[in-house]
Amino acid sequence: MKKHLLFLMVLFSLFSCEEDVRFNNPSFQGTKDNESWRAVQAIATVNSGGSLVIEAYTATEVVTLKTNSALVGTYYIGTTPTTTASYVFTDPLTKETLDFSSGFNVGDGQIVITEYDVAGKTVSGTFKFNIVNTFDNPLAGPTLNFQHGVFYKIPVIVQ
């Protein structure tokens, strides 16, 4: 009996271990108003003038980050009209939208580009921001906060 029990324990220990490794590459995620938020798709575009636009999507939401350059560096939201963040939620039933955005002297935060791989056509970095309810929609608060934002190996389309 002891042999059978020992055999079952060894057999169970061999088959109970597995490696379920999942990669989150590319990734765009952060903490939106103290709740975890992750995009299901993200794409970046570098325009002919060198400006960078990153768009991240869920089924009902779009987060857009814009900088005047794709070069590695820190870009401050709210200090120039070219470095901005926006968020749009579209209600799937009513099609009404909640819009939050920044602009010159509106909102604050930063976008940090830590890597722009020209050959691999990807961009990585971090972000955080506070942006305002664009149309003072009473269904949402006056501001939207993103913290601990990370974008990693987002594919880049060069125009």
Protein backbone atom coordinates (compact mmCIF):
# COMPACT_ATOMS: atom_id res chain seq x y z
CA MET A 1 0.00 0.00 0.00
CA LYS A 2 2.84 2.37 0.86
CA LYS A 3 4.42 1.70 -2.52
CA HIS A 4 1.20 2.61 -4.34
CA LEU A 5 0.81 5.79 -2.34
CA LEU A 6 4.42 6.78 -3.00
CA PHE A 7 3.99 5.99 -6.70
CA LEU A 8 0.82 8.14 -6.90
CA MET A 9 2.56 11.03 -5.14
CA VAL A 10 5.50 10.91 -7.54
CA LEU A 11 3.19 10.59 -10.53
CA PHE A 12 1.03 13.50 -9.35
CA SER A 13 4.06 15.73 -8.74
CA LEU A 14 5.36 15.09 -12.25
CA PHE A 15 2.12 15.90 -14.02
CA SER A 16 0.85 18.71 -11.83
CA CYS A 17 3.62 21.08 -12.85
CA GLU A 18 3.21 23.08 -16.01
CA GLU A 19 4.51 26.28 -17.40
CA ASP A 20 1.74 28.49 -18.64
CA VAL A 21 3.74 31.47 -19.84
CA ARG A 22 1.82 34.26 -21.54
CA PHE A 23 3.49 37.23 -23.14
CA ASN A 24 1.89 40.64 -23.21
CA ASN A 25 3.73 41.92 -26.25
CA PRO A 26 2.70 44.46 -27.48
CA SER A 27 1.02 46.03 -24.48
CA PHE A 28 -0.69 49.28 -23.48
CA GLN A 29 -1.97 49.40 -19.92
CA GLY A 30 -2.25 51.53 -16.83
CA THR A 31 -4.36 52.47 -13.84
CA LYS A 32 -7.41 54.53 -14.86
CA ASP A 33 -9.05 56.26 -11.89
CA ASN A 34 -7.53 53.63 -9.55
CA GLU A 35 -8.73 50.66 -11.65
CA SER A 36 -6.55 48.45 -13.84
CA TRP A 37 -7.00 49.19 -17.54
CA ARG A 38 -5.58 47.30 -20.52
CA ALA A 39 -6.05 47.91 -24.21
CA VAL A 40 -6.86 44.99 -26.49
CA GLN A 41 -5.13 46.67 -29.41
CA ALA A 42 -2.69 49.55 -29.86
CA ILE A 43 -1.04 51.17 -32.86
CA ALA A 44 1.43 54.04 -33.25
CA THR A 45 1.92 56.36 -36.20
CA VAL A 46 4.90 58.57 -36.95
CA ASN A 47 3.82 61.33 -39.32
CA SER A 48 6.03 62.89 -41.99
CA GLY A 49 6.89 65.78 -39.63
CA GLY A 50 8.14 63.31 -37.01
CA SER A 51 5.23 63.58 -34.57
CA LEU A 52 4.04 60.43 -32.80
CA VAL A 53 0.44 59.35 -32.21
CA ILE A 54 -0.32 56.24 -30.13
CA GLU A 55 -3.90 54.94 -30.07
CA ALA A 56 -5.03 52.19 -27.70
CA TYR A 57 -8.43 50.52 -27.96
CA THR A 58 -10.89 48.45 -25.98
CA ALA A 59 -14.40 47.61 -27.21
CA THR A 60 -15.77 50.95 -25.92
CA GLU A 61 -12.74 53.13 -25.17
CA VAL A 62 -9.92 54.89 -27.02
CA VAL A 63 -6.85 56.43 -25.38
CA THR A 64 -4.71 58.66 -27.60
CA LEU A 65 -1.25 60.00 -26.76
CA LYS A 66 0.43 62.57 -29.01
CA THR A 67 3.95 63.99 -28.95
CA ASN A 68 5.77 66.28 -31.35
CA SER A 69 8.55 63.69 -31.81
CA ALA A 70 9.14 59.95 -31.64
CA LEU A 71 12.64 60.42 -30.22
CA VAL A 72 13.52 59.03 -26.80
CA GLY A 73 12.69 61.64 -24.17
CA THR A 74 10.09 63.09 -21.82
CA TYR A 75 7.16 65.06 -23.20
CA TYR A 76 4.99 67.09 -20.82
CA ILE A 77 1.22 67.14 -21.33
CA GLY A 78 -0.48 70.52 -21.03
CA THR A 79 2.63 72.58 -21.75
CA THR A 80 2.39 72.65 -25.55
CA PRO A 81 -0.45 72.21 -28.02
CA THR A 82 1.40 69.27 -29.63
CA THR A 83 1.82 66.99 -26.59
CA THR A 84 -1.64 65.81 -25.60
CA ALA A 85 -3.65 62.94 -24.16
CA SER A 86 -7.28 62.12 -24.76
CA TYR A 87 -9.80 59.48 -23.73
CA VAL A 88 -13.16 58.68 -25.33
CA PHE A 89 -15.76 56.27 -23.97
CA THR A 90 -18.65 55.34 -26.28
CA ASP A 91 -21.74 53.79 -24.71
CA PRO A 92 -22.52 50.71 -26.83
CA LEU A 93 -26.29 51.10 -26.41
CA THR A 94 -26.90 54.83 -26.76
CA LYS A 95 -23.75 55.68 -28.76
CA GLU A 96 -23.24 58.70 -26.47
CA THR A 97 -19.63 59.58 -25.78
CA LEU A 98 -17.69 60.83 -22.80
CA ASP A 99 -14.71 62.89 -23.94
CA PHE A 100 -11.68 63.84 -21.87
CA SER A 101 -8.71 65.70 -23.30
CA SER A 102 -5.76 67.92 -22.60
CA GLY A 103 -4.43 70.94 -24.42
CA PHE A 104 -2.22 73.94 -23.92
CA ASN A 105 -2.55 74.77 -20.18
CA VAL A 106 -5.30 72.13 -19.87
CA GLY A 107 -4.50 68.93 -18.02
CA ASP A 108 -1.09 67.71 -16.95
CA GLY A 109 1.14 64.66 -17.06
CA GLN A 110 3.93 63.19 -19.09
CA ILE A 111 4.72 60.75 -21.86
CA VAL A 112 8.17 59.19 -21.65
CA ILE A 113 9.49 57.42 -24.72
CA THR A 114 12.13 54.96 -23.54
CA GLU A 115 12.73 53.19 -26.85
CA TYR A 116 11.97 53.89 -30.48
CA ASP A 117 13.16 50.95 -32.58
CA VAL A 118 13.33 52.29 -36.14
CA ALA A 119 14.41 48.95 -37.63
CA GLY A 120 11.82 46.89 -35.71
CA LYS A 121 9.20 49.63 -36.04
CA THR A 122 8.11 49.61 -32.38
CA VAL A 123 7.88 52.18 -29.60
CA SER A 124 7.96 51.69 -25.82
CA GLY A 125 7.60 53.98 -22.83
CA THR A 126 5.49 55.15 -19.91
CA PHE A 127 2.78 57.72 -19.31
CA LYS A 128 0.62 59.36 -16.67
CA PHE A 129 -1.87 62.18 -16.96
CA ASN A 130 -4.87 64.10 -15.63
CA ILE A 131 -7.24 65.33 -18.34
CA VAL A 132 -10.53 67.21 -18.19
CA ASN A 133 -14.12 66.41 -19.12
CA THR A 134 -14.23 68.20 -22.48
CA PHE A 135 -17.96 68.95 -22.63
CA ASP A 136 -18.69 68.92 -18.87
CA ASN A 137 -20.80 65.80 -19.33
CA PRO A 138 -22.65 65.23 -16.02
CA LEU A 139 -22.37 61.43 -16.43
CA ALA A 140 -18.64 61.61 -15.65
CA GLY A 141 -16.42 63.41 -13.21
CA PRO A 142 -14.57 66.62 -14.03
CA THR A 143 -11.22 64.85 -14.57
CA LEU A 144 -9.83 61.50 -15.63
CA ASN A 145 -6.60 60.19 -14.13
CA PHE A 146 -4.21 57.62 -15.60
CA GLN A 147 -1.24 56.43 -13.52
CA HIS A 148 1.44 53.79 -13.95
CA GLY A 149 0.84 53.71 -17.70
CA VAL A 150 3.09 51.56 -19.85
CA PHE A 151 3.23 51.00 -23.58
CA TYR A 152 5.57 48.27 -24.75
CA LYS A 153 6.64 47.35 -28.27
CA ILE A 154 3.67 49.08 -29.90
CA PRO A 155 3.89 48.60 -33.70
CA VAL A 156 4.69 51.81 -35.58
CA ILE A 157 3.41 52.84 -38.99
CA VAL A 158 5.61 55.46 -40.62
CA GLN A 159 3.74 57.81 -42.97
